[in-house]
N, C-alpha and C. Protein backbone atom coordinates (compact mmCIF):
# COMPACT_ATOMS: atom_id res chain seq x y z
N MET A 1 126.56 52.37 112.33
CA MET A 1 125.26 52.97 112.01
C MET A 1 124.94 53.94 113.18
N PRO A 2 125.20 55.19 113.04
CA PRO A 2 125.06 56.20 114.16
C PRO A 2 123.57 56.59 114.26
N TYR A 3 123.13 56.62 115.47
CA TYR A 3 121.89 57.24 115.86
C TYR A 3 122.03 58.49 116.26
N VAL A 4 121.32 59.51 115.63
CA VAL A 4 121.44 61.09 115.82
C VAL A 4 120.13 61.64 116.17
N ARG A 5 120.28 62.36 117.29
CA ARG A 5 119.12 63.16 117.79
C ARG A 5 119.56 64.57 117.69
N PHE A 6 118.74 65.63 117.14
CA PHE A 6 119.13 66.94 117.21
C PHE A 6 117.99 67.72 117.71
N ILE A 7 118.39 68.97 118.48
CA ILE A 7 117.41 69.87 118.99
C ILE A 7 117.77 71.18 118.46
N LYS A 8 116.89 71.94 117.93
CA LYS A 8 117.09 73.27 117.41
C LYS A 8 117.01 74.41 118.60
N ARG A 9 118.08 75.00 118.82
CA ARG A 9 118.22 76.06 119.78
C ARG A 9 118.56 77.41 119.21
N GLY A 10 117.69 78.13 118.94
CA GLY A 10 118.02 79.38 118.29
C GLY A 10 118.28 79.20 116.79
N ARG A 11 119.57 79.55 116.54
CA ARG A 11 120.12 79.39 115.12
C ARG A 11 120.90 78.15 115.01
N LYS A 12 121.26 77.52 116.08
CA LYS A 12 122.00 76.26 116.14
C LYS A 12 121.33 75.05 116.47
N PHE A 13 121.97 73.94 116.27
CA PHE A 13 121.35 72.66 116.62
C PHE A 13 122.27 72.01 117.69
N LYS A 14 121.74 71.31 118.66
CA LYS A 14 122.41 70.57 119.59
C LYS A 14 122.37 69.22 119.16
N VAL A 15 123.35 68.43 118.85
CA VAL A 15 123.37 67.15 118.19
C VAL A 15 124.00 66.12 119.27
N TYR A 16 123.25 65.04 119.45
CA TYR A 16 123.71 63.85 120.12
C TYR A 16 123.83 62.75 119.16
N MET A 17 125.20 62.28 118.97
CA MET A 17 125.44 61.09 118.17
C MET A 17 125.84 59.91 118.93
N ALA A 18 125.12 58.80 118.92
CA ALA A 18 125.36 57.62 119.64
C ALA A 18 125.74 56.50 118.56
N GLU A 19 127.03 55.93 118.74
CA GLU A 19 127.49 54.93 117.89
C GLU A 19 128.48 53.93 118.74
N ARG A 20 128.29 52.70 118.60
CA ARG A 20 129.13 51.75 119.26
C ARG A 20 129.26 52.06 120.77
N GLY A 21 128.13 52.39 121.46
CA GLY A 21 128.15 52.63 122.92
C GLY A 21 128.71 53.97 123.44
N LYS A 22 129.19 54.92 122.51
CA LYS A 22 129.66 56.14 122.88
C LYS A 22 128.77 57.20 122.34
N THR A 23 128.60 58.23 123.22
CA THR A 23 127.79 59.43 122.72
C THR A 23 128.53 60.55 122.63
N GLU A 24 128.46 61.38 121.56
CA GLU A 24 129.19 62.57 121.36
C GLU A 24 128.11 63.75 121.29
N ILE A 25 128.35 64.90 121.84
CA ILE A 25 127.51 66.01 121.81
C ILE A 25 128.23 67.13 121.20
N HIS A 26 127.60 67.79 120.22
CA HIS A 26 128.10 68.87 119.38
C HIS A 26 127.06 70.04 119.24
N ASP A 27 127.57 71.28 119.02
CA ASP A 27 126.79 72.38 118.65
C ASP A 27 127.06 72.69 117.25
N VAL A 28 126.28 72.62 116.28
CA VAL A 28 126.44 72.81 114.93
C VAL A 28 125.46 73.95 114.32
N ASP A 29 125.91 74.46 113.25
CA ASP A 29 124.99 75.52 112.52
C ASP A 29 124.12 74.80 111.43
N ASP A 30 124.40 73.76 110.95
CA ASP A 30 123.61 73.18 109.85
C ASP A 30 123.87 71.58 109.93
N ILE A 31 122.97 70.87 109.43
CA ILE A 31 122.99 69.38 109.31
C ILE A 31 122.74 69.04 107.79
N TYR A 32 123.69 68.14 107.29
CA TYR A 32 123.45 67.68 105.98
C TYR A 32 123.53 66.10 105.88
N ILE A 33 122.27 65.54 105.45
CA ILE A 33 122.21 64.13 105.47
C ILE A 33 122.12 63.58 104.16
N ASP A 34 122.68 62.50 103.63
CA ASP A 34 122.56 61.86 102.46
C ASP A 34 121.40 60.75 102.46
N VAL A 35 121.57 59.97 103.32
CA VAL A 35 120.68 58.74 103.49
C VAL A 35 120.34 58.64 104.91
N GLY A 36 119.10 58.63 105.26
CA GLY A 36 118.67 58.44 106.65
C GLY A 36 117.46 57.50 106.68
N HIS A 37 117.49 56.64 107.79
CA HIS A 37 116.20 55.68 107.99
C HIS A 37 115.73 56.10 109.29
N GLY A 38 114.33 55.89 109.42
CA GLY A 38 113.57 56.16 110.56
C GLY A 38 113.61 57.72 110.93
N VAL A 39 113.53 58.54 109.96
CA VAL A 39 113.68 59.91 110.23
C VAL A 39 112.37 60.40 110.83
N GLY A 40 112.51 61.22 111.83
CA GLY A 40 111.37 61.90 112.55
C GLY A 40 111.56 63.27 112.89
N PHE A 41 110.76 64.15 112.56
CA PHE A 41 110.91 65.59 112.95
C PHE A 41 109.64 66.04 113.80
N THR A 42 109.91 67.03 114.56
CA THR A 42 108.85 67.68 115.29
C THR A 42 108.55 69.18 114.69
N THR A 43 107.53 69.76 115.22
CA THR A 43 107.24 71.13 114.74
C THR A 43 108.19 72.06 115.28
N ARG A 44 108.86 71.64 116.32
CA ARG A 44 109.80 72.68 117.08
C ARG A 44 111.06 72.63 116.51
N GLY A 45 111.44 71.90 115.46
CA GLY A 45 112.76 71.77 114.98
C GLY A 45 113.72 70.76 115.42
N SER A 46 113.22 69.77 116.21
CA SER A 46 114.17 68.72 116.68
C SER A 46 113.63 67.40 116.00
N GLY A 47 114.53 66.47 116.05
CA GLY A 47 114.08 65.23 115.46
C GLY A 47 115.33 64.12 115.66
N THR A 48 115.10 63.03 115.08
CA THR A 48 116.06 61.87 115.14
C THR A 48 116.13 61.11 113.71
N PHE A 49 117.24 60.45 113.51
CA PHE A 49 117.47 59.63 112.27
C PHE A 49 118.64 58.58 112.52
N ILE A 50 118.60 57.60 111.77
CA ILE A 50 119.61 56.58 111.73
C ILE A 50 120.20 56.50 110.31
N THR A 51 121.38 56.48 110.17
CA THR A 51 121.98 56.53 108.87
C THR A 51 123.04 55.39 108.67
N ASP A 52 123.27 54.94 107.45
CA ASP A 52 124.24 53.96 107.23
C ASP A 52 125.63 54.52 106.95
N VAL A 53 125.67 55.80 106.61
CA VAL A 53 127.05 56.43 106.16
C VAL A 53 127.59 57.07 107.52
N PRO A 54 128.81 57.20 107.53
CA PRO A 54 129.63 57.81 108.61
C PRO A 54 129.08 59.30 108.93
N CYS A 55 129.06 59.74 110.11
CA CYS A 55 128.79 61.19 110.36
C CYS A 55 130.07 61.81 110.97
N ARG A 56 130.24 63.13 110.59
CA ARG A 56 131.38 63.88 111.10
C ARG A 56 130.99 65.29 111.13
N VAL A 57 131.59 66.01 112.02
CA VAL A 57 131.44 67.40 112.21
C VAL A 57 132.60 68.10 111.48
N VAL A 58 132.28 68.91 110.54
CA VAL A 58 133.29 69.57 109.78
C VAL A 58 132.98 71.12 109.91
N GLU A 59 134.05 71.94 109.68
CA GLU A 59 134.04 73.44 109.71
C GLU A 59 134.26 73.85 108.15
N ILE A 60 133.23 74.53 107.66
CA ILE A 60 133.26 74.81 106.18
C ILE A 60 133.31 76.37 106.20
N GLU A 61 134.11 76.89 105.31
CA GLU A 61 134.11 78.28 105.07
C GLU A 61 133.11 78.58 103.80
N THR A 62 131.94 79.02 104.03
CA THR A 62 130.89 79.24 103.10
C THR A 62 131.14 80.47 102.25
N LEU A 63 131.49 81.36 102.84
CA LEU A 63 131.76 82.80 102.29
C LEU A 63 133.19 83.22 102.87
N PRO A 64 133.85 84.18 102.20
CA PRO A 64 135.16 84.59 102.95
C PRO A 64 134.93 85.17 104.32
N GLY A 65 135.65 84.72 105.21
CA GLY A 65 135.40 85.10 106.59
C GLY A 65 134.31 84.48 107.45
N ILE A 66 133.45 83.76 106.77
CA ILE A 66 132.30 83.13 107.43
C ILE A 66 132.44 81.56 107.42
N LYS A 67 132.54 80.93 108.66
CA LYS A 67 132.79 79.54 108.88
C LYS A 67 131.55 79.10 109.66
N GLU A 68 131.18 77.95 109.14
CA GLU A 68 129.99 77.25 109.63
C GLU A 68 130.44 75.77 110.12
N LYS A 69 129.90 75.38 111.32
CA LYS A 69 130.17 73.96 111.67
C LYS A 69 129.04 73.16 111.29
N VAL A 70 129.20 72.08 110.44
CA VAL A 70 128.01 71.28 109.89
C VAL A 70 128.25 69.90 110.30
N LEU A 71 127.21 69.17 110.70
CA LEU A 71 127.16 67.88 110.85
C LEU A 71 126.76 67.21 109.55
N ALA A 72 127.90 66.47 108.91
CA ALA A 72 127.78 65.91 107.58
C ALA A 72 127.61 64.35 107.72
N CYS A 73 126.51 63.81 107.40
CA CYS A 73 126.44 62.34 107.29
C CYS A 73 126.35 62.00 105.78
N THR A 74 127.62 61.88 105.29
CA THR A 74 127.76 61.66 103.78
C THR A 74 129.19 61.33 103.53
N ARG A 75 129.28 60.83 102.34
CA ARG A 75 130.68 60.43 101.98
C ARG A 75 131.27 61.33 100.96
N LYS A 76 130.50 62.65 100.85
CA LYS A 76 131.12 63.66 100.05
C LYS A 76 132.26 64.33 100.59
N SER A 77 133.14 64.85 99.77
CA SER A 77 134.32 65.64 100.28
C SER A 77 133.96 66.95 100.82
N ILE A 78 134.78 67.68 101.55
CA ILE A 78 134.48 68.95 102.10
C ILE A 78 134.23 70.03 100.98
N GLU A 79 134.99 69.87 99.87
CA GLU A 79 134.77 70.72 98.82
C GLU A 79 133.40 70.63 98.21
N GLU A 80 132.84 69.45 98.05
CA GLU A 80 131.49 69.21 97.60
C GLU A 80 130.49 69.78 98.54
N LEU A 81 130.64 69.57 99.85
CA LEU A 81 129.74 70.13 100.78
C LEU A 81 129.71 71.62 100.73
N ARG A 82 130.99 72.20 100.64
CA ARG A 82 131.06 73.69 100.51
C ARG A 82 130.16 74.16 99.42
N GLU A 83 130.21 73.61 98.27
CA GLU A 83 129.51 74.05 97.16
C GLU A 83 127.98 73.87 97.34
N ILE A 84 127.51 72.83 97.98
CA ILE A 84 126.18 72.57 98.32
C ILE A 84 125.59 73.57 99.39
N ILE A 85 126.29 73.73 100.38
CA ILE A 85 125.81 74.61 101.65
C ILE A 85 125.91 76.04 101.11
N LYS A 86 126.82 76.38 100.34
CA LYS A 86 126.86 77.87 99.86
C LYS A 86 125.63 78.29 99.15
N TYR A 87 124.76 77.46 98.53
CA TYR A 87 123.65 77.85 97.90
C TYR A 87 122.38 77.54 98.57
N LEU A 88 122.38 77.13 99.81
CA LEU A 88 121.23 76.77 100.57
C LEU A 88 120.66 78.05 101.26
């Protein structure tokens, strides 16, 4: 169960993921969460959550030539994520 903290910086998010005693830091363009517990947000675009599903950082080509790094806390495939994010 990863604990995730994110901070909005301009158009990107700085993401801190802590799981099993290790902390990873990533810069991502978007965050996609299927299920989250203890979700908290602030007015400045930062927040925290805990999720039961695995989290990973994937690079998705939303439009031809445009790639986005996305923190995906889901069991969906990259193709399913691409279709969801394309219309957001």
